[in-house]
Amino acid sequence: MEIKDLRSLVRYNPEKMAKIPVFESDKMFFDLYALLPGQAQKTHTHEGSDKIYYVLEGEVVVRIGEEEALLAPGMAVIARSGEAHGVRNESASPALLLVVMAPKP
């Protein structure tokens, strides 16, 4: 059985958003994304894979296709295969997200 303490994995990188692997298989990945104020994941797409962002801490602006929404802790959004997506932290506080993608690209 694989068990991980997510809190012990969290780290922020002052130069760019931190992608922190938690679990990975040939079918999916489960990561933490740690964003300091002003950091972002630029908009991109994945053909054949869906991605879910779930906010643990802070607030982020998520872009899916042509739409944007502010997400707070406890909120989640899905970017379906082929939809352009990205996330940015426009707040004054750090943000922490769980990110799941399947199938793994």
PDB file of N, CA and C in Angstrom:
ATOM      1  N   MET A   1       0.845  -1.183   0.000  1.00  0.00           N
ATOM      2  CA  MET A   1       0.000   0.000   0.000  1.00  0.00           C
ATOM      3  C   MET A   1       0.888   1.242   0.000  1.00  0.00           C
ATOM      4  N   GLU A   2       0.554   2.181  -0.860  1.00  0.00           N
ATOM      5  CA  GLU A   2       1.291   3.449  -0.899  1.00  0.00           C
ATOM      6  C   GLU A   2       0.487   4.532  -0.195  1.00  0.00           C
ATOM      7  N   ILE A   3       1.081   5.111   0.830  1.00  0.00           N
ATOM      8  CA  ILE A   3       0.458   6.218   1.556  1.00  0.00           C
ATOM      9  C   ILE A   3       1.450   7.363   1.586  1.00  0.00           C
ATOM     10  N   LYS A   4       0.972   8.561   1.307  1.00  0.00           N
ATOM     11  CA  LYS A   4       1.842   9.729   1.336  1.00  0.00           C
ATOM     12  C   LYS A   4       1.189  10.838   2.146  1.00  0.00           C
ATOM     13  N   ASP A   5       2.017  11.530   2.909  1.00  0.00           N
ATOM     14  CA  ASP A   5       1.592  12.706   3.656  1.00  0.00           C
ATOM     15  C   ASP A   5       1.771  13.915   2.735  1.00  0.00           C
ATOM     16  N   LEU A   6       0.684  14.392   2.153  1.00  0.00           N
ATOM     17  CA  LEU A   6       0.773  15.475   1.177  1.00  0.00           C
ATOM     18  C   LEU A   6       1.382  16.738   1.768  1.00  0.00           C
ATOM     19  N   ARG A   7       1.092  17.043   3.023  1.00  0.00           N
ATOM     20  CA  ARG A   7       1.615  18.270   3.645  1.00  0.00           C
ATOM     21  C   ARG A   7       3.144  18.272   3.633  1.00  0.00           C
ATOM     22  N   SER A   8       3.754  17.092   3.801  1.00  0.00           N
ATOM     23  CA  SER A   8       5.212  17.027   3.843  1.00  0.00           C
ATOM     24  C   SER A   8       5.838  17.215   2.458  1.00  0.00           C
ATOM     25  N   LEU A   9       5.047  17.084   1.403  1.00  0.00           N
ATOM     26  CA  LEU A   9       5.551  17.223   0.041  1.00  0.00           C
ATOM     27  C   LEU A   9       5.512  18.657  -0.475  1.00  0.00           C
ATOM     28  N   VAL A  10       4.704  19.505   0.144  1.00  0.00           N
ATOM     29  CA  VAL A  10       4.473  20.862  -0.359  1.00  0.00           C
ATOM     30  C   VAL A  10       5.750  21.687  -0.316  1.00  0.00           C
ATOM     31  N   ARG A  11       6.065  22.302  -1.449  1.00  0.00           N
ATOM     32  CA  ARG A  11       7.173  23.235  -1.547  1.00  0.00           C
ATOM     33  C   ARG A  11       6.818  24.274  -2.607  1.00  0.00           C
ATOM     34  N   TYR A  12       7.235  25.474  -2.365  1.00  0.00           N
ATOM     35  CA  TYR A  12       6.997  26.561  -3.319  1.00  0.00           C
ATOM     36  C   TYR A  12       8.330  26.941  -3.941  1.00  0.00           C
ATOM     37  N   ASN A  13       8.293  27.282  -5.221  1.00  0.00           N
ATOM     38  CA  ASN A  13       9.487  27.685  -5.951  1.00  0.00           C
ATOM     39  C   ASN A  13       9.303  29.155  -6.330  1.00  0.00           C
ATOM     40  N   PRO A  14      10.173  30.044  -5.857  1.00  0.00           N
ATOM     41  CA  PRO A  14       9.991  31.462  -6.164  1.00  0.00           C
ATOM     42  C   PRO A  14      10.143  31.792  -7.649  1.00  0.00           C
ATOM     43  N   GLU A  15      10.709  30.889  -8.444  1.00  0.00           N
ATOM     44  CA  GLU A  15      10.938  31.161  -9.860  1.00  0.00           C
ATOM     45  C   GLU A  15       9.788  30.734 -10.756  1.00  0.00           C
ATOM     46  N   LYS A  16       9.072  29.660 -10.383  1.00  0.00           N
ATOM     47  CA  LYS A  16       7.941  29.200 -11.203  1.00  0.00           C
ATOM     48  C   LYS A  16       7.052  28.275 -10.394  1.00  0.00           C
ATOM     49  N   MET A  17       5.848  28.060 -10.887  1.00  0.00           N
ATOM     50  CA  MET A  17       4.909  27.149 -10.246  1.00  0.00           C
ATOM     51  C   MET A  17       5.578  25.798 -10.020  1.00  0.00           C
ATOM     52  N   ALA A  18       5.397  25.224  -8.834  1.00  0.00           N
ATOM     53  CA  ALA A  18       5.969  23.911  -8.526  1.00  0.00           C
ATOM     54  C   ALA A  18       4.957  22.819  -8.833  1.00  0.00           C
ATOM     55  N   LYS A  19       5.359  21.847  -9.648  1.00  0.00           N
ATOM     56  CA  LYS A  19       4.572  20.638  -9.893  1.00  0.00           C
ATOM     57  C   LYS A  19       5.208  19.543  -9.050  1.00  0.00           C
ATOM     58  N   ILE A  20       4.434  19.022  -8.101  1.00  0.00           N
ATOM     59  CA  ILE A  20       4.954  18.058  -7.143  1.00  0.00           C
ATOM     60  C   ILE A  20       4.268  16.711  -7.366  1.00  0.00           C
ATOM     61  N   PRO A  21       4.977  15.729  -7.906  1.00  0.00           N
ATOM     62  CA  PRO A  21       4.358  14.418  -8.130  1.00  0.00           C
ATOM     63  C   PRO A  21       3.991  13.745  -6.811  1.00  0.00           C
ATOM     64  N   VAL A  22       2.799  13.160  -6.767  1.00  0.00           N
ATOM     65  CA  VAL A  22       2.363  12.412  -5.593  1.00  0.00           C
ATOM     66  C   VAL A  22       2.251  10.935  -5.972  1.00  0.00           C
ATOM     67  N   PHE A  23       1.373  10.619  -6.918  1.00  0.00           N
ATOM     68  CA  PHE A  23       1.235   9.259  -7.432  1.00  0.00           C
ATOM     69  C   PHE A  23       1.239   9.312  -8.950  1.00  0.00           C
ATOM     70  N   GLU A  24       1.784   8.271  -9.562  1.00  0.00           N
ATOM     71  CA  GLU A  24       1.819   8.199 -11.016  1.00  0.00           C
ATOM     72  C   GLU A  24       1.758   6.736 -11.425  1.00  0.00           C
ATOM     73  N   SER A  25       1.041   6.489 -12.499  1.00  0.00           N
ATOM     74  CA  SER A  25       1.014   5.164 -13.093  1.00  0.00           C
ATOM     75  C   SER A  25       1.017   5.344 -14.605  1.00  0.00           C
ATOM     76  N   ASP A  26       0.958   4.245 -15.326  1.00  0.00           N
ATOM     77  CA  ASP A  26       0.904   4.376 -16.778  1.00  0.00           C
ATOM     78  C   ASP A  26      -0.451   4.883 -17.240  1.00  0.00           C
ATOM     79  N   LYS A  27      -1.447   4.974 -16.329  1.00  0.00           N
ATOM     80  CA  LYS A  27      -2.800   5.398 -16.686  1.00  0.00           C
ATOM     81  C   LYS A  27      -3.168   6.803 -16.217  1.00  0.00           C
ATOM     82  N   MET A  28      -2.472   7.335 -15.174  1.00  0.00           N
ATOM     83  CA  MET A  28      -2.863   8.632 -14.626  1.00  0.00           C
ATOM     84  C   MET A  28      -1.727   9.250 -13.836  1.00  0.00           C
ATOM     85  N   PHE A  29      -1.900  10.554 -13.505  1.00  0.00           N
ATOM     86  CA  PHE A  29      -1.024  11.152 -12.508  1.00  0.00           C
ATOM     87  C   PHE A  29      -1.849  11.976 -11.531  1.00  0.00           C
ATOM     88  N   PHE A  30      -1.305  12.136 -10.342  1.00  0.00           N
ATOM     89  CA  PHE A  30      -1.923  12.836  -9.227  1.00  0.00           C
ATOM     90  C   PHE A  30      -0.821  13.715  -8.647  1.00  0.00           C
ATOM     91  N   ASP A  31      -0.916  15.023  -8.869  1.00  0.00           N
ATOM     92  CA  ASP A  31       0.130  15.967  -8.474  1.00  0.00           C
ATOM     93  C   ASP A  31      -0.421  17.046  -7.554  1.00  0.00           C
ATOM     94  N   LEU A  32       0.484  17.731  -6.889  1.00  0.00           N
ATOM     95  CA  LEU A  32       0.202  18.996  -6.223  1.00  0.00           C
ATOM     96  C   LEU A  32       0.807  20.090  -7.083  1.00  0.00           C
ATOM     97  N   TYR A  33       0.080  21.188  -7.262  1.00  0.00           N
ATOM     98  CA  TYR A  33       0.617  22.379  -7.911  1.00  0.00           C
ATOM     99  C   TYR A  33       0.657  23.460  -6.837  1.00  0.00           C
ATOM    100  N   ALA A  34       1.822  24.047  -6.636  1.00  0.00           N
ATOM    101  CA  ALA A  34       2.007  25.087  -5.625  1.00  0.00           C
ATOM    102  C   ALA A  34       2.358  26.392  -6.337  1.00  0.00           C
ATOM    103  N   LEU A  35       1.489  27.381  -6.209  1.00  0.00           N
ATOM    104  CA  LEU A  35       1.669  28.653  -6.909  1.00  0.00           C
ATOM    105  C   LEU A  35       1.791  29.795  -5.912  1.00  0.00           C
ATOM    106  N   LEU A  36       2.872  30.516  -6.015  1.00  0.00           N
ATOM    107  CA  LEU A  36       3.017  31.749  -5.254  1.00  0.00           C
ATOM    108  C   LEU A  36       2.253  32.858  -5.981  1.00  0.00           C
ATOM    109  N   PRO A  37       1.976  33.968  -5.306  1.00  0.00           N
ATOM    110  CA  PRO A  37       1.287  35.074  -5.974  1.00  0.00           C
ATOM    111  C   PRO A  37       1.984  35.451  -7.284  1.00  0.00           C
ATOM    112  N   GLY A  38       1.187  35.605  -8.344  1.00  0.00           N
ATOM    113  CA  GLY A  38       1.705  35.987  -9.644  1.00  0.00           C
ATOM    114  C   GLY A  38       2.147  34.826 -10.527  1.00  0.00           C
ATOM    115  N   GLN A  39       2.229  33.629  -9.983  1.00  0.00           N
ATOM    116  CA  GLN A  39       2.650  32.484 -10.792  1.00  0.00           C
ATOM    117  C   GLN A  39       1.477  31.881 -11.551  1.00  0.00           C
ATOM    118  N   ALA A  40       1.805  31.193 -12.662  1.00  0.00           N
ATOM    119  CA  ALA A  40       0.750  30.641 -13.512  1.00  0.00           C
ATOM    120  C   ALA A  40       1.251  29.419 -14.268  1.00  0.00           C
ATOM    121  N   GLN A  41       0.308  28.621 -14.703  1.00  0.00           N
ATOM    122  CA  GLN A  41       0.541  27.568 -15.681  1.00  0.00           C
ATOM    123  C   GLN A  41      -0.085  28.087 -16.962  1.00  0.00           C
ATOM    124  N   LYS A  42       0.722  28.303 -17.993  1.00  0.00           N
ATOM    125  CA  LYS A  42       0.157  28.889 -19.200  1.00  0.00           C
ATOM    126  C   LYS A  42      -0.838  27.936 -19.856  1.00  0.00           C
ATOM    127  N   THR A  43      -1.736  28.515 -20.609  1.00  0.00           N
ATOM    128  CA  THR A  43      -2.801  27.762 -21.262  1.00  0.00           C
ATOM    129  C   THR A  43      -2.206  26.779 -22.267  1.00  0.00           C
ATOM    130  N   HIS A  44      -2.709  25.553 -22.216  1.00  0.00           N
ATOM    131  CA  HIS A  44      -2.247  24.484 -23.087  1.00  0.00           C
ATOM    132  C   HIS A  44      -3.365  23.451 -23.239  1.00  0.00           C
ATOM    133  N   THR A  45      -3.163  22.454 -24.074  1.00  0.00           N
ATOM    134  CA  THR A  45      -4.174  21.409 -24.266  1.00  0.00           C
ATOM    135  C   THR A  45      -3.526  20.031 -24.193  1.00  0.00           C
ATOM    136  N   HIS A  46      -4.371  19.034 -23.938  1.00  0.00           N
ATOM    137  CA  HIS A  46      -3.975  17.628 -23.971  1.00  0.00           C
ATOM    138  C   HIS A  46      -5.036  16.885 -24.768  1.00  0.00           C
ATOM    139  N   GLU A  47      -4.652  16.305 -25.867  1.00  0.00           N
ATOM    140  CA  GLU A  47      -5.591  15.482 -26.628  1.00  0.00           C
ATOM    141  C   GLU A  47      -5.639  14.099 -25.991  1.00  0.00           C
ATOM    142  N   GLY A  48      -6.837  13.621 -25.730  1.00  0.00           N
ATOM    143  CA  GLY A  48      -6.998  12.270 -25.207  1.00  0.00           C
ATOM    144  C   GLY A  48      -6.904  12.145 -23.698  1.00  0.00           C
ATOM    145  N   SER A  49      -6.749  13.256 -22.966  1.00  0.00           N
ATOM    146  CA  SER A  49      -6.664  13.209 -21.501  1.00  0.00           C
ATOM    147  C   SER A  49      -7.527  14.295 -20.881  1.00  0.00           C
ATOM    148  N   ASP A  50      -8.132  13.983 -19.764  1.00  0.00           N
ATOM    149  CA  ASP A  50      -8.902  14.938 -18.970  1.00  0.00           C
ATOM    150  C   ASP A  50      -8.055  15.343 -17.760  1.00  0.00           C
ATOM    151  N   LYS A  51      -8.190  16.606 -17.329  1.00  0.00           N
ATOM    152  CA  LYS A  51      -7.461  17.092 -16.161  1.00  0.00           C
ATOM    153  C   LYS A  51      -8.441  17.738 -15.194  1.00  0.00           C
ATOM    154  N   ILE A  52      -8.270  17.435 -13.910  1.00  0.00           N
ATOM    155  CA  ILE A  52      -9.090  18.032 -12.858  1.00  0.00           C
ATOM    156  C   ILE A  52      -8.187  18.832 -11.927  1.00  0.00           C
ATOM    157  N   TYR A  53      -8.592  20.088 -11.657  1.00  0.00           N
ATOM    158  CA  TYR A  53      -7.935  20.945 -10.673  1.00  0.00           C
ATOM    159  C   TYR A  53      -8.852  21.011  -9.451  1.00  0.00           C
ATOM    160  N   TYR A  54      -8.300  20.769  -8.259  1.00  0.00           N
ATOM    161  CA  TYR A  54      -9.049  20.884  -7.014  1.00  0.00           C
ATOM    162  C   TYR A  54      -8.248  21.793  -6.077  1.00  0.00           C
ATOM    163  N   VAL A  55      -8.881  22.855  -5.597  1.00  0.00           N
ATOM    164  CA  VAL A  55      -8.181  23.838  -4.766  1.00  0.00           C
ATOM    165  C   VAL A  55      -8.184  23.400  -3.304  1.00  0.00           C
ATOM    166  N   LEU A  56      -6.982  23.272  -2.758  1.00  0.00           N
ATOM    167  CA  LEU A  56      -6.815  22.951  -1.333  1.00  0.00           C
ATOM    168  C   LEU A  56      -6.677  24.213  -0.490  1.00  0.00           C
ATOM    169  N   GLU A  57      -5.864  25.161  -0.990  1.00  0.00           N
ATOM    170  CA  GLU A  57      -5.591  26.399  -0.253  1.00  0.00           C
ATOM    171  C   GLU A  57      -5.498  27.560  -1.231  1.00  0.00           C
ATOM    172  N   GLY A  58      -5.880  28.739  -0.776  1.00  0.00           N
ATOM    173  CA  GLY A  58      -5.768  29.940  -1.595  1.00  0.00           C
ATOM    174  C   GLY A  58      -6.851  30.025  -2.658  1.00  0.00           C
ATOM    175  N   GLU A  59      -6.655  30.928  -3.577  1.00  0.00           N
ATOM    176  CA  GLU A  59      -7.592  31.130  -4.697  1.00  0.00           C
ATOM    177  C   GLU A  59      -6.798  31.190  -5.991  1.00  0.00           C
ATOM    178  N   VAL A  60      -7.403  30.652  -7.043  1.00  0.00           N
ATOM    179  CA  VAL A  60      -6.776  30.698  -8.366  1.00  0.00           C
ATOM    180  C   VAL A  60      -7.824  31.036  -9.414  1.00  0.00           C
ATOM    181  N   VAL A  61      -7.359  31.602 -10.504  1.00  0.00           N
ATOM    182  CA  VAL A  61      -8.209  31.813 -11.668  1.00  0.00           C
ATOM    183  C   VAL A  61      -7.891  30.676 -12.634  1.00  0.00           C
ATOM    184  N   VAL A  62      -8.923  29.942 -13.019  1.00  0.00           N
ATOM    185  CA  VAL A  62      -8.758  28.822 -13.945  1.00  0.00           C
ATOM    186  C   VAL A  62      -9.396  29.204 -15.271  1.00  0.00           C
ATOM    187  N   ARG A  63      -8.682  28.898 -16.345  1.00  0.00           N
ATOM    188  CA  ARG A  63      -9.211  29.124 -17.691  1.00  0.00           C
ATOM    189  C   ARG A  63      -9.436  27.766 -18.332  1.00  0.00           C
ATOM    190  N   ILE A  64     -10.666  27.541 -18.799  1.00  0.00           N
ATOM    191  CA  ILE A  64     -11.030  26.348 -19.556  1.00  0.00           C
ATOM    192  C   ILE A  64     -11.691  26.847 -20.836  1.00  0.00           C
ATOM    193  N   GLY A  65     -11.082  26.566 -21.973  1.00  0.00           N
ATOM    194  CA  GLY A  65     -11.605  27.105 -23.228  1.00  0.00           C
ATOM    195  C   GLY A  65     -11.555  28.616 -23.189  1.00  0.00           C
ATOM    196  N   GLU A  66     -12.679  29.255 -23.447  1.00  0.00           N
ATOM    197  CA  GLU A  66     -12.758  30.718 -23.433  1.00  0.00           C
ATOM    198  C   GLU A  66     -13.287  31.261 -22.107  1.00  0.00           C
ATOM    199  N   GLU A  67     -13.573  30.387 -21.144  1.00  0.00           N
ATOM    200  CA  GLU A  67     -14.146  30.806 -19.867  1.00  0.00           C
ATOM    201  C   GLU A  67     -13.100  30.853 -18.768  1.00  0.00           C
ATOM    202  N   GLU A  68     -13.289  31.794 -17.827  1.00  0.00           N
ATOM    203  CA  GLU A  68     -12.448  31.883 -16.652  1.00  0.00           C
ATOM    204  C   GLU A  68     -13.324  31.920 -15.417  1.00  0.00           C
ATOM    205  N   ALA A  69     -12.809  31.356 -14.322  1.00  0.00           N
ATOM    206  CA  ALA A  69     -13.542  31.362 -13.054  1.00  0.00           C
ATOM    207  C   ALA A  69     -12.550  31.422 -11.907  1.00  0.00           C
ATOM    208  N   LEU A  70     -12.975  32.073 -10.831  1.00  0.00           N
ATOM    209  CA  LEU A  70     -12.190  32.120  -9.603  1.00  0.00           C
ATOM    210  C   LEU A  70     -12.585  30.916  -8.760  1.00  0.00           C
ATOM    211  N   LEU A  71     -11.595  30.105  -8.389  1.00  0.00           N
ATOM    212  CA  LEU A  71     -11.852  28.931  -7.564  1.00  0.00           C
ATOM    213  C   LEU A  71     -11.241  29.130  -6.193  1.00  0.00           C
ATOM    214  N   ALA A  72     -11.991  28.750  -5.160  1.00  0.00           N
ATOM    215  CA  ALA A  72     -11.572  28.841  -3.764  1.00  0.00           C
ATOM    216  C   ALA A  72     -11.452  27.422  -3.203  1.00  0.00           C
ATOM    217  N   PRO A  73     -10.922  27.270  -1.985  1.00  0.00           N
ATOM    218  CA  PRO A  73     -10.774  25.941  -1.398  1.00  0.00           C
ATOM    219  C   PRO A  73     -12.086  25.142  -1.420  1.00  0.00           C
ATOM    220  N   GLY A  74     -11.946  23.881  -1.808  1.00  0.00           N
ATOM    221  CA  GLY A  74     -13.102  22.998  -1.896  1.00  0.00           C
ATOM    222  C   GLY A  74     -13.742  22.962  -3.272  1.00  0.00           C
ATOM    223  N   MET A  75     -13.300  23.834  -4.184  1.00  0.00           N
ATOM    224  CA  MET A  75     -13.872  23.875  -5.530  1.00  0.00           C
ATOM    225  C   MET A  75     -12.980  23.111  -6.505  1.00  0.00           C
ATOM    226  N   ALA A  76     -13.610  22.507  -7.513  1.00  0.00           N
ATOM    227  CA  ALA A  76     -12.886  21.746  -8.531  1.00  0.00           C
ATOM    228  C   ALA A  76     -13.450  22.081  -9.902  1.00  0.00           C
ATOM    229  N   VAL A  77     -12.623  21.850 -10.936  1.00  0.00           N
ATOM    230  CA  VAL A  77     -13.045  22.080 -12.316  1.00  0.00           C
ATOM    231  C   VAL A  77     -12.365  21.023 -13.188  1.00  0.00           C
ATOM    232  N   ILE A  78     -13.023  20.661 -14.287  1.00  0.00           N
ATOM    233  CA  ILE A  78     -12.454  19.694 -15.212  1.00  0.00           C
ATOM    234  C   ILE A  78     -12.181  20.343 -16.563  1.00  0.00           C
ATOM    235  N   ALA A  79     -11.027  20.025 -17.114  1.00  0.00           N
ATOM    236  CA  ALA A  79     -10.683  20.386 -18.494  1.00  0.00           C
ATOM    237  C   ALA A  79     -10.716  19.076 -19.273  1.00  0.00           C
ATOM    238  N   ARG A  80     -11.693  18.948 -20.124  1.00  0.00           N
ATOM    239  CA  ARG A  80     -11.835  17.705 -20.890  1.00  0.00           C
ATOM    240  C   ARG A  80     -10.833  17.669 -22.039  1.00  0.00           C
ATOM    241  N   SER A  81     -10.602  16.501 -22.539  1.00  0.00           N
ATOM    242  CA  SER A  81      -9.654  16.288 -23.628  1.00  0.00           C
ATOM    243  C   SER A  81      -9.832  17.332 -24.734  1.00  0.00           C
ATOM    244  N   GLY A  82      -8.734  17.957 -25.111  1.00  0.00           N
ATOM    245  CA  GLY A  82      -8.762  18.930 -26.204  1.00  0.00           C
ATOM    246  C   GLY A  82      -9.127  20.344 -25.801  1.00  0.00           C
ATOM    247  N   GLU A  83      -9.602  20.564 -24.578  1.00  0.00           N
ATOM    248  CA  GLU A  83      -9.947  21.916 -24.126  1.00  0.00           C
ATOM    249  C   GLU A  83      -8.685  22.630 -23.633  1.00  0.00           C
ATOM    250  N   ALA A  84      -8.480  23.833 -24.120  1.00  0.00           N
ATOM    251  CA  ALA A  84      -7.365  24.638 -23.629  1.00  0.00           C
ATOM    252  C   ALA A  84      -7.612  24.962 -22.158  1.00  0.00           C
ATOM    253  N   HIS A  85      -6.551  24.885 -21.342  1.00  0.00           N
ATOM    254  CA  HIS A  85      -6.712  25.127 -19.912  1.00  0.00           C
ATOM    255  C   HIS A  85      -5.413  25.651 -19.304  1.00  0.00           C
ATOM    256  N   GLY A  86      -5.558  26.360 -18.207  1.00  0.00           N
ATOM    257  CA  GLY A  86      -4.432  26.880 -17.459  1.00  0.00           C
ATOM    258  C   GLY A  86      -4.929  27.466 -16.151  1.00  0.00           C
ATOM    259  N   VAL A  87      -4.008  27.805 -15.278  1.00  0.00           N
ATOM    260  CA  VAL A  87      -4.360  28.314 -13.956  1.00  0.00           C
ATOM    261  C   VAL A  87      -3.354  29.395 -13.563  1.00  0.00           C
ATOM    262  N   ARG A  88      -3.832  30.385 -12.814  1.00  0.00           N
ATOM    263  CA  ARG A  88      -2.932  31.438 -12.337  1.00  0.00           C
ATOM    264  C   ARG A  88      -3.374  31.919 -10.959  1.00  0.00           C
ATOM    265  N   ASN A  89      -2.389  32.377 -10.211  1.00  0.00           N
ATOM    266  CA  ASN A  89      -2.643  32.903  -8.875  1.00  0.00           C
ATOM    267  C   ASN A  89      -2.530  34.419  -8.928  1.00  0.00           C
ATOM    268  N   GLU A  90      -3.669  35.094  -8.912  1.00  0.00           N
ATOM    269  CA  GLU A  90      -3.701  36.553  -8.925  1.00  0.00           C
ATOM    270  C   GLU A  90      -3.859  37.134  -7.522  1.00  0.00           C
ATOM    271  N   SER A  91      -3.887  36.281  -6.518  1.00  0.00           N
ATOM    272  CA  SER A  91      -4.110  36.737  -5.145  1.00  0.00           C
ATOM    273  C   SER A  91      -2.782  37.125  -4.493  1.00  0.00           C
ATOM    274  N   ALA A  92      -2.861  37.565  -3.260  1.00  0.00           N
ATOM    275  CA  ALA A  92      -1.669  37.942  -2.501  1.00  0.00           C
ATOM    276  C   ALA A  92      -1.163  36.792  -1.634  1.00  0.00           C
ATOM    277  N   SER A  93      -1.797  35.624  -1.721  1.00  0.00           N
ATOM    278  CA  SER A  93      -1.439  34.468  -0.893  1.00  0.00           C
ATOM    279  C   SER A  93      -1.068  33.272  -1.764  1.00  0.00           C
ATOM    280  N   PRO A  94      -0.259  32.350  -1.249  1.00  0.00           N
ATOM    281  CA  PRO A  94       0.046  31.129  -1.995  1.00  0.00           C
ATOM    282  C   PRO A  94      -1.222  30.308  -2.243  1.00  0.00           C
ATOM    283  N   ALA A  95      -1.174  29.498  -3.287  1.00  0.00           N
ATOM    284  CA  ALA A  95      -2.289  28.606  -3.608  1.00  0.00           C
ATOM    285  C   ALA A  95      -1.736  27.191  -3.790  1.00  0.00           C
ATOM    286  N   LEU A  96      -2.544  26.212  -3.377  1.00  0.00           N
ATOM    287  CA  LEU A  96      -2.170  24.808  -3.483  1.00  0.00           C
ATOM    288  C   LEU A  96      -3.309  24.033  -4.099  1.00  0.00           C
ATOM    289  N   LEU A  97      -3.005  23.274  -5.152  1.00  0.00           N
ATOM    290  CA  LEU A  97      -4.020  22.512  -5.889  1.00  0.00           C
ATOM    291  C   LEU A  97      -3.663  21.044  -5.937  1.00  0.00           C
ATOM    292  N   LEU A  98      -4.679  20.197  -5.945  1.00  0.00           N
ATOM    293  CA  LEU A  98      -4.527  18.794  -6.339  1.00  0.00           C
ATOM    294  C   LEU A  98      -4.864  18.738  -7.810  1.00  0.00           C
ATOM    295  N   VAL A  99      -4.078  18.026  -8.591  1.00  0.00           N
ATOM    296  CA  VAL A  99      -4.313  17.915 -10.028  1.00  0.00           C
ATOM    297  C   VAL A  99      -4.254  16.439 -10.416  1.00  0.00           C
ATOM    298  N   VAL A 100      -5.320  15.982 -11.059  1.00  0.00           N
ATOM    299  CA  VAL A 100      -5.397  14.600 -11.524  1.00  0.00           C
ATOM    300  C   VAL A 100      -5.586  14.619 -13.024  1.00  0.00           C
ATOM    301  N   MET A 101      -4.841  13.779 -13.725  1.00  0.00           N
ATOM    302  CA  MET A 101      -4.992  13.695 -15.173  1.00  0.00           C
ATOM    303  C   MET A 101      -5.025  12.231 -15.586  1.00  0.00           C
ATOM    304  N   ALA A 102      -6.007  11.919 -16.439  1.00  0.00           N
ATOM    305  CA  ALA A 102      -6.140  10.545 -16.927  1.00  0.00           C
ATOM    306  C   ALA A 102      -6.785  10.564 -18.302  1.00  0.00           C
ATOM    307  N   PRO A 103      -6.404   9.686 -19.203  1.00  0.00           N
ATOM    308  CA  PRO A 103      -5.198   8.893 -19.029  1.00  0.00           C
ATOM    309  C   PRO A 103      -3.961   9.776 -19.097  1.00  0.00           C
ATOM    310  N   LYS A 104      -2.877   9.276 -18.539  1.00  0.00           N
ATOM    311  CA  LYS A 104      -1.622  10.028 -18.522  1.00  0.00           C
ATOM    312  C   LYS A 104      -1.153  10.251 -19.952  1.00  0.00           C
ATOM    313  N   PRO A 105      -0.795  11.479 -20.283  1.00  0.00           N
ATOM    314  CA  PRO A 105      -0.347  11.753 -21.666  1.00  0.00           C
ATOM    315  C   PRO A 105       1.019  11.128 -21.954  1.00  0.00           C
TER     316      PRO A 105
END
